[in-house]
Amino acid sequence: MTVTRRAALSGAAAAIASTPAWVRAAARPVSGPMEVVRLDPRLDALIAPDEPVVRVATGFTFTEGPMWRQGRLWFSDLGGDNMMAVAPDGTAKILLTQAGGFPRPWPIVNLGSNAMVPDKDGTVLMARQGGRTIVRVDAALRVHDFLSAYQGKRFNSPNDLVFAPDGALWFTDPPFGLPKMDRDPAKELPFNAVFRYRDGKLTPIITDFTLPNGIGFSPDGRTLYVSNYGEEMYVKAFEVRPDGKLSGARTLIAYPASTDKGGPDGLKIDALGNLWSTGPGGIRIITPQGNVLGQIKLPEVAANLAFADDWRTLYITASTSIYRLKTRVRGEKPLYA
């Protein structure tokens, strides 16, 4: 029998009260389940029974791209066009405006920044969905050009980023930042690729996904996981060769058509190799063999997630809010965290 563990809203009210007025003014009640659904007893080794899900802060437009840095969760408010940070007590602050690289007013919504990842020099690489580039943000929050095209053709709209254990940067490039997606006349590339960048060389490694989105590596770097957000919703696993080429593709999980909102978006991996992946109806915790151990359900659509703080704290970016859940298992740190 499936056992559910109801999550308390403890601490959320205090967190919202400590958030700046501009966030509180936009905040609105969000109702619905906040629970961890236990599908396999092995989940208890990863999440303690009755561990609550806490709503840390709210009032944003569309939260994405979380990354733990300097004691706060950095994230993108994709619709608000701000790169932001939120402290564990819920205090939120804008770090960078017009983070997507577009002057206002926008031609369409959701053209802000997206995923972020720390680089070895201490800067942060950030995907600009509207600007269709990857930029570097330095310690003074100044923005510098980094990558914007492949063989002279502009990217679609870089989405998620990860450094492999060998130091290569991998990223997904779906067309979410283009008003008409694949049919948009501004689209220059014939594919929606997963790219690899190393030693100045940019290579499209995967070109047959319809909408590649979340991306991550197993702890040993030998397995690459990529989610697809298209009509076919799935997460695939690939064996990674030393030269960066892939083989042995297999479907880790396939999602059937569902009335639940959301889809395979962001994903992260814990130290035991389990995949924590967004999908319809919430976040699934999946073993490397494809067994679903449990599901985190929220009242909003979960777009992305990140292990943070002591690396046993999971932060979730979900529509207008940021949520938090303590875990027993340590999450994999970004390579240059």
Protein backbone atom coordinates (compact mmCIF):
# COMPACT_ATOMS: atom_id res chain seq x y z
CA MET A 1 0.00 0.00 0.00
CA THR A 2 1.22 3.49 -0.80
CA VAL A 3 1.90 5.51 2.32
CA THR A 4 1.83 9.33 2.15
CA ARG A 5 3.68 11.65 4.46
CA ARG A 6 1.90 14.97 4.86
CA ALA A 7 4.13 18.02 4.92
CA ALA A 8 3.61 20.87 7.32
CA LEU A 9 3.68 24.52 6.33
CA SER A 10 5.69 25.38 9.43
CA GLY A 11 8.00 28.34 9.01
CA ALA A 12 6.45 29.49 5.74
CA ALA A 13 4.48 32.37 7.24
CA ALA A 14 7.58 33.71 9.00
CA ALA A 15 9.61 33.33 5.83
CA ILE A 16 7.06 35.28 3.79
CA ALA A 17 6.88 38.00 6.46
CA SER A 18 10.66 38.51 6.27
CA THR A 19 10.59 38.75 2.48
CA PRO A 20 10.84 42.29 1.01
CA ALA A 21 7.58 44.18 0.49
CA TRP A 22 7.71 43.93 -3.28
CA VAL A 23 7.61 40.14 -2.96
CA ARG A 24 4.97 40.09 -0.21
CA ALA A 25 2.71 42.33 -2.26
CA ALA A 26 2.76 39.87 -5.12
CA ALA A 27 2.35 36.80 -2.90
CA ARG A 28 -0.92 34.94 -3.05
CA PRO A 29 -2.15 31.86 -1.21
CA VAL A 30 -1.26 28.57 -2.83
CA SER A 31 -3.37 25.62 -1.76
CA GLY A 32 -2.93 21.95 -2.48
CA PRO A 33 -0.96 18.94 -1.25
CA MET A 34 2.59 19.25 0.05
CA GLU A 35 3.59 15.68 0.65
CA VAL A 36 6.10 12.95 0.02
CA VAL A 37 4.53 9.81 -1.40
CA ARG A 38 6.32 6.63 -0.39
CA LEU A 39 6.33 4.00 -3.15
CA ASP A 40 9.23 1.88 -1.90
CA PRO A 41 10.58 1.35 1.65
CA ARG A 42 14.04 2.27 0.37
CA LEU A 43 12.90 5.89 0.24
CA ASP A 44 13.29 6.11 4.03
CA ALA A 45 17.08 6.01 3.60
CA LEU A 46 16.81 9.16 1.47
CA ILE A 47 14.00 11.12 3.17
CA ALA A 48 13.05 10.63 6.80
CA PRO A 49 9.42 9.64 7.46
CA ASP A 50 7.26 12.69 8.23
CA GLU A 51 9.94 15.13 7.05
CA PRO A 52 8.01 18.31 6.15
CA VAL A 53 8.11 20.23 2.91
CA VAL A 54 8.44 23.94 3.73
CA ARG A 55 7.40 26.83 1.53
CA VAL A 56 10.32 29.23 1.96
CA ALA A 57 9.29 32.23 -0.13
CA THR A 58 6.63 33.15 -2.68
CA GLY A 59 5.30 35.89 -4.92
CA PHE A 60 7.59 35.34 -7.90
CA THR A 61 6.57 34.90 -11.52
CA PHE A 62 8.19 31.63 -12.60
CA THR A 63 11.13 30.28 -10.62
CA GLU A 64 13.91 28.27 -12.28
CA GLY A 65 17.62 27.49 -12.38
CA PRO A 66 18.46 27.09 -8.64
CA MET A 67 22.08 27.04 -7.45
CA TRP A 68 23.46 27.23 -3.90
CA ARG A 69 26.05 29.99 -3.50
CA GLN A 70 27.48 31.96 -0.58
CA GLY A 71 24.85 30.82 1.90
CA ARG A 72 21.84 31.57 -0.28
CA LEU A 73 19.90 29.93 -3.07
CA TRP A 74 20.45 31.78 -6.32
CA PHE A 75 17.66 31.32 -8.83
CA SER A 76 16.04 32.85 -11.89
CA ASP A 77 12.62 34.46 -11.85
CA LEU A 78 12.12 33.66 -15.50
CA GLY A 79 8.96 35.68 -16.00
CA GLY A 80 10.14 38.56 -13.83
CA ASP A 81 13.46 38.78 -15.71
CA ASN A 82 15.47 38.86 -12.49
CA MET A 83 18.35 36.78 -11.20
CA MET A 84 17.68 36.46 -7.48
CA ALA A 85 18.85 35.02 -4.19
CA VAL A 86 16.83 33.79 -1.23
CA ALA A 87 18.21 33.11 2.25
CA PRO A 88 17.11 30.12 4.35
CA ASP A 89 14.81 32.45 6.32
CA GLY A 90 12.98 33.43 3.13
CA THR A 91 14.54 36.86 2.64
CA ALA A 92 14.72 37.44 -1.11
CA LYS A 93 16.90 39.89 -3.01
CA ILE A 94 17.31 40.85 -6.67
CA LEU A 95 20.89 40.33 -7.81
CA LEU A 96 20.52 41.22 -11.47
CA THR A 97 17.71 42.84 -13.44
CA GLN A 98 17.03 42.20 -17.13
CA ALA A 99 18.78 38.91 -16.55
CA GLY A 100 17.53 37.49 -19.85
CA GLY A 101 19.38 40.12 -21.85
CA PHE A 102 16.29 41.76 -23.34
CA PRO A 103 15.32 45.41 -22.88
CA ARG A 104 11.75 45.89 -21.77
CA PRO A 105 8.99 45.65 -22.84
CA TRP A 106 9.36 42.03 -23.88
CA PRO A 107 7.99 40.64 -27.13
CA ILE A 108 6.80 37.53 -25.22
CA VAL A 109 6.82 36.30 -21.63
CA ASN A 110 9.43 34.06 -20.00
CA LEU A 111 12.50 35.53 -21.66
CA GLY A 112 14.53 35.83 -18.50
CA SER A 113 17.55 33.87 -17.30
CA ASN A 114 17.42 30.17 -16.57
CA ALA A 115 20.00 27.70 -15.19
CA MET A 116 23.22 28.70 -13.43
CA VAL A 117 26.39 26.78 -12.57
CA PRO A 118 29.61 27.86 -10.82
CA ASP A 119 32.80 27.81 -12.89
CA LYS A 120 36.32 26.98 -11.71
CA ASP A 121 37.40 30.64 -11.63
CA GLY A 122 34.67 31.53 -9.12
CA THR A 123 32.34 33.13 -11.65
CA VAL A 124 28.89 31.83 -12.55
CA LEU A 125 27.72 30.70 -15.97
CA MET A 126 24.10 31.61 -16.64
CA ALA A 127 21.75 30.58 -19.45
CA ARG A 128 19.81 33.44 -20.99
CA GLN A 129 16.60 32.07 -22.45
CA GLY A 130 15.53 35.26 -24.21
CA GLY A 131 19.00 36.41 -25.14
CA ARG A 132 19.82 32.93 -26.54
CA THR A 133 23.26 32.93 -24.96
CA ILE A 134 25.32 31.64 -22.06
CA VAL A 135 26.99 34.47 -20.17
CA ARG A 136 29.51 34.71 -17.34
CA VAL A 137 28.58 36.64 -14.18
CA ASP A 138 31.57 37.83 -12.15
CA ALA A 139 31.86 38.60 -8.43
CA ALA A 140 30.65 42.17 -9.00
CA LEU A 141 27.58 40.82 -10.85
CA ARG A 142 28.86 42.14 -14.15
CA VAL A 143 27.81 40.13 -17.21
CA HIS A 144 30.29 38.97 -19.85
CA ASP A 145 29.68 37.14 -23.14
CA PHE A 146 30.64 33.47 -23.16
CA LEU A 147 28.84 31.30 -25.77
CA SER A 148 26.13 32.29 -28.23
CA ALA A 149 26.40 30.25 -31.43
CA TYR A 150 27.43 27.02 -33.11
CA GLN A 151 29.19 27.34 -36.47
CA GLY A 152 27.86 30.88 -36.82
CA LYS A 153 24.25 29.95 -36.06
CA ARG A 154 22.65 31.35 -32.91
CA PHE A 155 21.55 29.01 -30.15
CA ASN A 156 17.83 28.41 -29.70
CA SER A 157 17.62 29.30 -25.98
CA PRO A 158 20.10 27.59 -23.62
CA ASN A 159 18.23 26.02 -20.73
CA ASP A 160 20.17 23.83 -18.29
CA LEU A 161 23.91 23.56 -17.59
CA VAL A 162 26.23 21.08 -15.88
CA PHE A 163 29.97 20.48 -15.65
CA ALA A 164 31.03 16.86 -16.13
CA PRO A 165 33.69 15.45 -13.79
CA ASP A 166 36.27 15.92 -16.57
CA GLY A 167 35.57 19.67 -16.66
CA ALA A 168 33.55 19.74 -19.88
CA LEU A 169 30.46 21.97 -19.89
CA TRP A 170 27.27 20.30 -21.13
CA PHE A 171 24.04 22.18 -21.80
CA THR A 172 20.61 21.74 -23.36
CA ASP A 173 19.27 24.08 -26.03
CA PRO A 174 15.49 23.80 -26.60
CA PRO A 175 13.57 26.60 -28.35
CA PHE A 176 11.50 27.76 -25.36
CA GLY A 177 12.69 31.36 -25.82
CA LEU A 178 11.37 31.57 -29.37
CA PRO A 179 7.72 32.66 -29.69
CA LYS A 180 6.87 29.98 -32.25
CA MET A 181 9.32 27.40 -30.94
CA ASP A 182 10.60 25.17 -33.78
CA ARG A 183 8.51 27.06 -36.33
CA ASP A 184 9.91 30.45 -35.39
CA PRO A 185 11.63 32.23 -38.30
CA ALA A 186 14.40 33.35 -35.93
CA LYS A 187 15.43 29.75 -35.24
CA GLU A 188 18.79 29.15 -36.92
CA LEU A 189 19.83 25.67 -35.85
CA PRO A 190 18.15 22.64 -37.47
CA PHE A 191 18.06 20.74 -34.17
CA ASN A 192 17.50 21.14 -30.43
CA ALA A 193 20.78 19.84 -29.16
CA VAL A 194 22.63 18.76 -26.08
CA PHE A 195 26.01 20.46 -26.47
CA ARG A 196 29.44 19.69 -25.00
CA TYR A 197 32.06 22.44 -24.66
CA ARG A 198 35.66 21.73 -23.75
CA ASP A 199 39.02 23.30 -24.60
CA GLY A 200 37.35 25.82 -26.87
CA LYS A 201 35.52 23.18 -28.89
CA LEU A 202 31.72 23.12 -29.05
CA THR A 203 30.05 19.89 -30.20
CA PRO A 204 26.36 18.94 -30.54
CA ILE A 205 26.34 15.47 -28.95
CA ILE A 206 22.60 14.71 -28.97
CA THR A 207 20.38 16.09 -31.74
CA ASP A 208 17.34 13.79 -31.77
CA PHE A 209 15.48 15.01 -28.67
CA THR A 210 12.46 17.17 -29.41
CA LEU A 211 12.82 19.40 -26.32
CA PRO A 212 15.95 18.52 -24.29
CA ASN A 213 15.72 20.10 -20.87
CA GLY A 214 17.25 18.87 -17.59
CA ILE A 215 20.75 17.39 -17.57
CA GLY A 216 23.05 15.74 -15.04
CA PHE A 217 25.78 13.15 -14.44
CA SER A 218 26.08 10.14 -12.19
CA PRO A 219 28.62 10.56 -9.36
CA ASP A 220 31.31 8.68 -11.30
CA GLY A 221 30.65 10.65 -14.47
CA ARG A 222 30.02 7.54 -16.52
CA THR A 223 26.30 8.10 -17.03
CA LEU A 224 24.60 11.15 -18.51
CA TYR A 225 20.91 11.82 -17.85
CA VAL A 226 18.82 14.09 -20.09
CA SER A 227 15.10 14.82 -19.82
CA ASN A 228 12.79 15.51 -22.75
CA TYR A 229 9.85 17.89 -22.24
CA GLY A 230 8.08 17.31 -25.56
CA GLU A 231 4.91 15.39 -26.29
CA GLU A 232 6.99 12.31 -25.55
CA MET A 233 8.06 12.81 -21.94
CA TYR A 234 11.02 10.79 -20.71
CA VAL A 235 14.46 10.77 -19.13
CA LYS A 236 17.18 8.89 -20.98
CA ALA A 237 20.50 7.59 -19.67
CA PHE A 238 23.67 7.35 -21.76
CA GLU A 239 27.07 5.78 -21.20
CA VAL A 240 29.77 8.45 -21.47
CA ARG A 241 33.08 7.60 -23.11
CA PRO A 242 36.34 9.39 -22.16
CA ASP A 243 36.19 11.39 -25.39
CA GLY A 244 32.70 12.65 -24.54
CA LYS A 245 30.87 10.49 -27.05
CA LEU A 246 27.80 8.59 -25.90
CA SER A 247 26.58 5.03 -26.27
CA GLY A 248 24.11 2.58 -24.76
CA ALA A 249 21.11 4.90 -24.70
CA ARG A 250 18.25 3.64 -22.53
CA THR A 251 15.02 5.12 -21.25
CA LEU A 252 15.24 5.46 -17.48
CA ILE A 253 11.64 6.57 -17.13
CA ALA A 254 8.86 7.34 -19.61
CA TYR A 255 5.84 9.36 -18.55
CA PRO A 256 2.47 8.46 -20.10
CA ALA A 257 0.00 11.14 -21.09
CA SER A 258 -1.22 12.73 -17.87
CA THR A 259 -3.69 15.29 -16.62
CA ASP A 260 -1.12 16.34 -14.01
CA LYS A 261 0.63 19.61 -14.75
CA GLY A 262 4.35 19.82 -15.40
CA GLY A 263 6.81 17.63 -17.23
CA PRO A 264 10.40 16.35 -17.25
CA ASP A 265 12.26 19.58 -16.59
CA GLY A 266 15.16 19.94 -14.13
CA LEU A 267 16.92 17.00 -12.51
CA LYS A 268 19.65 16.36 -9.95
CA ILE A 269 21.57 13.30 -8.73
CA ASP A 270 22.37 12.29 -5.16
CA ALA A 271 25.60 10.71 -3.87
CA LEU A 272 24.11 7.21 -4.18
CA GLY A 273 23.36 7.77 -7.87
CA ASN A 274 19.58 8.23 -7.53
CA LEU A 275 17.92 10.67 -9.90
CA TRP A 276 15.59 13.37 -8.54
CA SER A 277 13.59 14.46 -11.55
CA THR A 278 10.69 16.82 -12.09
CA GLY A 279 7.78 15.39 -14.05
CA PRO A 280 3.99 15.49 -14.30
CA GLY A 281 2.58 15.87 -10.80
CA GLY A 282 5.86 16.48 -8.99
CA ILE A 283 9.37 15.16 -8.43
CA ARG A 284 10.19 11.44 -8.75
CA ILE A 285 13.11 9.85 -6.93
CA ILE A 286 14.44 7.16 -9.27
CA THR A 287 17.18 4.57 -8.81
CA PRO A 288 19.86 4.15 -11.51
CA GLN A 289 17.96 1.01 -12.54
CA GLY A 290 14.76 3.00 -13.16
CA ASN A 291 12.78 2.07 -10.02
CA VAL A 292 10.65 4.93 -8.68
CA LEU A 293 11.07 5.10 -4.89
CA GLY A 294 8.77 8.01 -4.22
CA GLN A 295 7.30 11.29 -5.34
CA ILE A 296 7.33 14.83 -3.92
CA LYS A 297 4.00 16.52 -4.59
CA LEU A 298 3.56 20.29 -4.37
CA PRO A 299 0.66 22.68 -4.91
CA GLU A 300 2.58 24.25 -7.80
CA VAL A 301 4.44 22.90 -10.83
CA ALA A 302 8.02 22.00 -9.94
CA ALA A 303 10.40 23.25 -12.61
CA ASN A 304 13.81 22.55 -11.08
CA LEU A 305 15.69 21.64 -7.91
CA ALA A 306 19.10 21.81 -6.28
CA PHE A 307 20.85 20.29 -3.30
CA ALA A 308 22.16 23.07 -1.09
CA ASP A 309 23.51 24.27 2.23
CA ASP A 310 24.88 21.10 3.90
CA TRP A 311 24.11 19.22 0.65
CA ARG A 312 21.38 17.38 2.55
CA THR A 313 18.84 20.12 1.89
CA LEU A 314 16.79 20.09 -1.30
CA TYR A 315 15.45 23.37 -2.66
CA ILE A 316 12.73 23.28 -5.31
CA THR A 317 11.76 26.08 -7.69
CA ALA A 318 8.04 25.69 -8.37
CA SER A 319 6.08 28.35 -10.26
CA THR A 320 5.62 31.30 -7.86
CA SER A 321 7.49 29.83 -4.89
CA ILE A 322 10.61 28.24 -3.44
CA TYR A 323 10.21 25.05 -1.36
CA ARG A 324 12.66 23.16 0.86
CA LEU A 325 12.97 19.57 2.05
CA LYS A 326 15.64 18.06 4.30
CA THR A 327 17.12 14.79 3.05
CA ARG A 328 19.12 12.00 4.63
CA VAL A 329 21.21 11.47 1.52
CA ARG A 330 23.81 13.94 0.34
CA GLY A 331 23.29 15.49 -3.07
CA GLU A 332 26.05 15.66 -5.62
CA LYS A 333 27.78 19.04 -5.52
CA PRO A 334 28.39 20.97 -8.74
CA LEU A 335 31.97 20.31 -9.84
CA TYR A 336 33.20 23.77 -8.90
CA ALA A 337 30.93 24.46 -5.93
